[in-house]
Protein backbone atom coordinates (compact mmCIF):
# COMPACT_ATOMS: atom_id res chain seq x y z
CA MET A 1 0.05 -0.01 -0.06
CA ARG A 2 1.36 3.42 -0.93
CA ARG A 3 2.64 5.39 2.07
CA LEU A 4 0.67 8.55 2.85
CA LEU A 5 2.81 11.60 3.55
CA THR A 6 1.35 12.58 6.91
CA ARG A 7 2.47 12.39 10.51
CA ILE A 8 1.37 8.71 10.55
CA THR A 9 1.99 6.77 7.30
CA GLY A 10 0.12 3.88 5.88
CA PHE A 11 2.81 1.52 6.94
CA ASP A 12 2.64 2.79 10.52
CA VAL A 13 -1.08 1.78 10.63
CA ILE A 14 -0.46 -1.50 8.95
CA GLY A 15 2.56 -2.04 11.16
CA TYR A 16 0.38 -1.66 14.20
CA VAL A 17 -2.28 -4.13 13.02
CA LEU A 18 0.41 -6.73 12.34
CA GLY A 19 2.24 -6.00 15.55
CA ALA A 20 -1.08 -6.09 17.51
CA VAL A 21 -1.41 -9.81 16.91
CA LYS A 22 1.75 -10.07 18.96
CA LEU A 23 3.61 -11.63 16.02
CA GLY A 24 4.50 -8.71 13.81
CA PRO A 25 7.55 -6.44 13.60
CA HIS A 26 6.14 -3.31 15.37
CA LYS A 27 5.06 -2.71 18.87
CA ALA A 28 2.14 -0.56 19.48
CA GLY A 29 3.63 0.93 22.62
CA ASN A 30 6.35 3.05 20.83
CA ARG A 31 4.93 3.52 17.33
CA TRP A 32 2.46 6.31 18.06
CA ARG A 33 4.20 9.58 18.93
CA LYS A 34 3.93 13.20 17.78
CA ARG A 35 5.84 14.10 14.66
CA SER A 36 6.93 17.40 13.22
CA THR A 37 6.36 18.75 9.67
CA LYS A 38 7.94 22.06 8.86
CA ALA A 39 8.23 22.94 12.43
CA ILE A 40 4.57 22.50 13.11
CA THR A 41 3.92 19.89 15.75
CA ILE A 42 0.76 17.88 15.32
CA ARG A 43 -0.85 15.37 17.66
CA VAL A 44 -3.24 12.64 16.49
CA ASN A 45 -6.03 11.25 18.67
CA ILE A 46 -6.05 7.59 19.35
CA ARG A 47 -8.41 5.16 21.11
CA LEU A 48 -8.25 1.40 21.47
CA SER A 49 -11.62 -0.30 21.54
CA SER A 50 -12.63 -3.93 22.23
CA TRP A 51 -15.98 -5.44 21.32
CA ILE A 52 -17.94 -8.26 23.13
CA ASN A 53 -16.91 -10.47 20.20
CA GLY A 54 -13.26 -10.16 21.20
CA MET A 55 -12.10 -8.05 18.33
CA THR A 56 -9.81 -5.09 19.24
CA VAL A 57 -9.77 -2.06 17.01
CA LEU A 58 -7.33 0.97 17.17
CA LEU A 59 -9.02 4.22 16.10
CA VAL A 60 -6.65 6.94 14.82
CA SER A 61 -8.10 10.52 14.20
CA ASP A 62 -5.85 12.81 12.22
CA ALA A 63 -7.36 16.07 11.02
CA LEU A 64 -4.95 16.30 8.13
CA ALA A 65 -5.20 12.84 6.77
CA PRO A 66 -5.44 13.13 3.00
CA LYS A 67 -6.97 9.62 2.76
CA SER A 68 -8.43 6.98 5.20
CA LEU A 69 -6.99 3.63 5.86
CA ALA A 70 -8.44 0.45 7.28
CA ALA A 71 -6.80 -2.95 8.15
CA LEU A 72 -7.74 -6.19 9.62
CA ALA A 73 -5.31 -9.06 10.57
CA LEU A 74 -5.47 -12.28 12.37
CA PRO A 75 -2.51 -14.52 13.72
CA VAL A 76 -3.16 -17.26 11.25
CA GLY A 77 -1.09 -18.07 8.26
CA SER A 78 0.68 -20.75 6.34
CA LEU A 79 2.02 -22.49 9.43
CA GLU A 80 -1.60 -23.64 9.91
CA ASP A 81 -1.72 -25.10 6.24
CA PRO A 82 -2.77 -28.73 6.24
CA ASN A 83 -0.17 -31.07 4.61
CA SER A 84 -2.80 -32.14 2.14
CA GLN A 85 -3.17 -28.56 0.72
CA LEU A 86 -0.08 -26.50 1.11
CA GLY A 87 -0.74 -22.78 0.47
CA LEU A 88 -4.24 -23.06 1.66
CA ALA A 89 -4.01 -19.94 3.91
CA HIS A 90 -2.79 -17.94 0.86
CA TYR A 91 -5.49 -19.28 -1.27
CA LEU A 92 -8.21 -18.52 1.29
CA GLU A 93 -6.83 -14.93 1.39
CA HIS A 94 -7.63 -14.71 -2.34
CA MET A 95 -10.99 -16.36 -2.22
CA VAL A 96 -12.31 -14.22 0.76
CA LEU A 97 -12.21 -11.20 -1.44
CA MET A 98 -14.20 -12.79 -4.31
CA GLY A 99 -17.64 -11.82 -3.25
CA SER A 100 -19.61 -11.68 0.02
CA LYS A 101 -23.22 -12.22 1.31
CA ARG A 102 -24.20 -8.55 0.69
CA TYR A 103 -21.78 -7.82 -2.06
CA PRO A 104 -21.69 -10.90 -4.24
CA GLU A 105 -19.84 -9.50 -7.20
CA PRO A 106 -16.17 -10.59 -7.12
CA GLU A 107 -14.95 -7.18 -8.10
CA ASN A 108 -17.26 -5.17 -5.79
CA LEU A 109 -14.58 -3.91 -3.35
CA SER A 110 -11.96 -3.20 -5.93
CA GLU A 111 -14.37 -1.40 -8.29
CA PHE A 112 -15.72 0.73 -5.35
CA LEU A 113 -12.23 1.75 -4.36
CA LYS A 114 -11.16 2.65 -7.83
CA LYS A 115 -14.21 5.01 -8.01
CA HIS A 116 -13.14 6.67 -4.75
CA GLY A 117 -9.43 7.17 -5.25
CA GLY A 118 -8.51 4.06 -3.32
CA SER A 119 -6.81 0.62 -3.54
CA HIS A 120 -6.69 -2.56 -1.41
CA ASN A 121 -4.33 -5.48 -0.85
CA ALA A 122 -3.91 -8.56 1.32
CA SER A 123 -0.91 -10.67 2.33
CA THR A 124 -0.33 -14.00 3.97
CA ALA A 125 2.79 -14.75 6.04
CA SER A 126 3.73 -17.78 8.01
CA TYR A 127 2.14 -16.38 11.12
CA ARG A 128 -0.60 -14.02 10.08
CA THR A 129 -3.04 -12.90 7.30
CA ALA A 130 -3.87 -9.21 6.75
CA TYR A 131 -6.33 -7.15 4.64
CA TYR A 132 -5.90 -3.44 4.10
CA LEU A 133 -7.22 -0.61 2.03
CA GLU A 134 -6.94 3.08 1.46
CA VAL A 135 -9.73 5.37 0.27
CA GLU A 136 -10.96 8.96 0.06
CA ASN A 137 -12.06 10.05 3.47
CA ASP A 138 -15.72 10.51 2.56
CA ALA A 139 -15.89 6.88 1.36
CA LEU A 140 -14.45 5.22 4.47
CA GLU A 141 -17.64 3.66 5.90
CA PRO A 142 -18.83 1.90 2.71
CA ALA A 143 -15.38 0.73 2.03
CA VAL A 144 -15.03 -0.72 5.50
CA ASP A 145 -18.53 -2.24 5.23
CA ARG A 146 -17.42 -4.07 2.06
CA MET A 147 -14.15 -5.31 3.44
CA ALA A 148 -15.74 -6.45 6.75
CA ASP A 149 -18.55 -8.34 4.89
CA ALA A 150 -15.94 -10.00 2.65
CA ILE A 151 -14.08 -11.29 5.81
CA ALA A 152 -17.23 -12.13 7.85
CA GLU A 153 -19.53 -13.57 5.11
CA PRO A 154 -17.41 -14.71 2.13
CA ILE A 155 -19.23 -16.78 -0.48
CA LEU A 156 -16.19 -18.80 -1.28
CA ASP A 157 -17.70 -19.75 -4.59
CA PRO A 158 -16.02 -22.76 -6.13
CA GLY A 159 -16.58 -21.08 -9.50
CA ASN A 160 -13.75 -18.76 -8.68
CA ALA A 161 -11.38 -21.52 -7.76
CA ASP A 162 -9.39 -21.89 -10.97
CA ARG A 163 -9.06 -18.04 -11.28
CA GLU A 164 -7.57 -17.74 -7.81
CA ARG A 165 -5.49 -20.83 -7.97
CA ASN A 166 -3.87 -19.39 -11.01
CA ALA A 167 -3.49 -16.07 -9.28
CA VAL A 168 -1.70 -17.74 -6.38
CA ASN A 169 0.47 -19.66 -8.76
CA ALA A 170 1.34 -16.47 -10.74
CA GLU A 171 2.38 -14.70 -7.49
CA LEU A 172 4.75 -17.41 -6.57
CA THR A 173 6.27 -17.45 -10.04
CA MET A 174 6.96 -13.72 -10.05
CA ALA A 175 8.35 -13.90 -6.42
CA ARG A 176 10.94 -16.62 -7.28
CA SER A 177 13.50 -14.02 -8.39
CA ARG A 178 13.19 -11.86 -5.24
CA ASP A 179 15.82 -11.91 -2.64
CA GLY A 180 13.34 -12.34 0.08
CA MET A 181 11.87 -15.47 -1.44
CA ARG A 182 15.31 -16.95 -2.02
CA MET A 183 16.25 -16.23 1.62
CA ALA A 184 13.09 -17.90 2.75
CA GLN A 185 13.86 -21.01 0.64
CA VAL A 186 17.37 -21.22 2.10
CA GLY A 187 15.84 -20.95 5.62
CA ALA A 188 13.34 -23.64 4.86
CA GLU A 189 16.01 -25.95 3.49
CA THR A 190 18.17 -25.59 6.67
CA LEU A 191 15.40 -26.07 9.13
CA ASN A 192 14.46 -29.25 10.92
CA PRO A 193 12.36 -30.92 8.18
CA ALA A 194 9.71 -31.85 10.67
CA HIS A 195 9.02 -28.17 11.52
CA PRO A 196 6.04 -26.58 9.68
CA SER A 197 8.16 -23.74 8.47
CA ALA A 198 10.18 -26.16 6.42
CA ARG A 199 7.16 -26.82 4.20
CA PHE A 200 6.36 -25.27 0.94
CA SER A 201 3.98 -22.34 1.89
CA GLY A 202 3.11 -20.23 -1.07
CA GLY A 203 0.77 -22.62 -2.94
CA ASN A 204 0.62 -23.42 -6.51
CA LEU A 205 -1.47 -25.48 -9.12
CA GLU A 206 0.15 -28.72 -7.95
CA THR A 207 -0.32 -28.26 -4.17
CA LEU A 208 -3.93 -26.65 -4.42
CA GLN A 209 -6.08 -29.21 -6.02
CA ASP A 210 -8.27 -32.20 -5.27
CA LYS A 211 -6.29 -35.14 -3.95
CA PRO A 212 -7.27 -38.58 -2.65
CA GLY A 213 -8.85 -37.98 0.79
CA SER A 214 -8.61 -34.20 0.47
CA LYS A 215 -11.04 -32.01 -1.58
CA LEU A 216 -9.70 -28.47 -1.98
CA HIS A 217 -13.03 -26.62 -1.55
CA GLU A 218 -13.90 -28.59 1.58
CA GLU A 219 -10.52 -27.86 3.01
CA LEU A 220 -10.99 -24.16 2.15
CA VAL A 221 -14.32 -23.88 3.96
CA GLY A 222 -13.07 -25.94 6.89
CA PHE A 223 -10.00 -23.70 7.30
CA TYR A 224 -12.05 -20.59 7.09
CA GLN A 225 -14.49 -21.92 9.72
CA ARG A 226 -11.77 -23.01 11.98
CA TYR A 227 -9.67 -19.87 12.10
CA TYR A 228 -11.46 -16.86 10.87
CA SER A 229 -12.91 -15.70 14.24
CA ALA A 230 -13.46 -12.14 15.42
CA ASN A 231 -11.85 -12.71 18.70
CA LEU A 232 -8.56 -13.43 16.96
CA MET A 233 -8.66 -10.25 14.81
CA LYS A 234 -7.10 -6.85 15.37
CA GLY A 235 -8.12 -3.90 13.24
CA VAL A 236 -7.15 -0.23 12.56
CA LEU A 237 -9.18 2.62 11.27
CA TYR A 238 -7.22 5.84 10.43
CA SER A 239 -9.03 8.91 9.12
CA ASN A 240 -9.71 12.61 9.42
CA GLN A 241 -12.96 11.79 11.17
CA SER A 242 -13.23 12.35 14.95
CA LEU A 243 -12.81 9.46 17.34
CA PRO A 244 -16.54 9.36 18.10
CA GLU A 245 -17.26 9.12 14.44
CA LEU A 246 -14.67 6.45 13.93
CA ARG A 247 -16.00 4.40 16.89
CA ALA A 248 -19.59 4.63 15.52
CA LEU A 249 -18.25 3.48 12.14
CA ALA A 250 -16.47 0.58 13.73
CA VAL A 251 -19.40 -0.42 15.94
CA LYS A 252 -21.66 -0.40 12.92
CA ASN A 253 -19.43 -2.36 10.50
CA LEU A 254 -17.02 -4.44 12.48
CA ARG A 255 -19.37 -5.90 15.21
CA PRO A 256 -21.33 -9.04 14.18
CA HIS A 257 -24.94 -8.53 13.27
CA SER A 258 -26.08 -11.96 14.65
């Protein structure tokens, strides 16, 4: 996600949500501080809220934010992949965004964000999965509504399986030449082969397919039902809106309706 040139950048926000699952590189305790721009010191307003469903959401109000950001993460990644479907966590990350209960069109979120100066992305690591977006300030609520519905009520339509299997495979192909991927491969080769981190984790057309005793779609649905739980999730909302406005937005869109 592109960094926003404000006192708090997009990576600060995403860094918090990854660190908040107690597995990421940043710690919330020392990330949020006042910053100076052209000798003008500005403070942002911050609130941490927890819902009865166990989700914790950091609210960040910045009157000078040029765009709004939202992120959700959970401490579940490729380490939880079943041996029968390596890369399943990554594949699920793709499938979650391919239509939801109230927004069934696969491109609904991306098309909405394009119309409102925004973008979105998601990533899967060994220890976590994260979803994040940026959008014009006035469009934050409908954007969060769409992302939250995708994560809470994904259709997981098997009709999108081949498309997303190929997308996962293409990502791996492009990443092979990157230094980070090569370092990860070296690390996996030198680990105890019995450790989950030694397994192939990205997923490709060979690992993500029906096999004797393992149906890909059944494994996908089971993985989602097992791990995608609100009490495991951490979120961030960053905007020019006030803290009361952000809290109302979060209560409306991030708490379960059932």
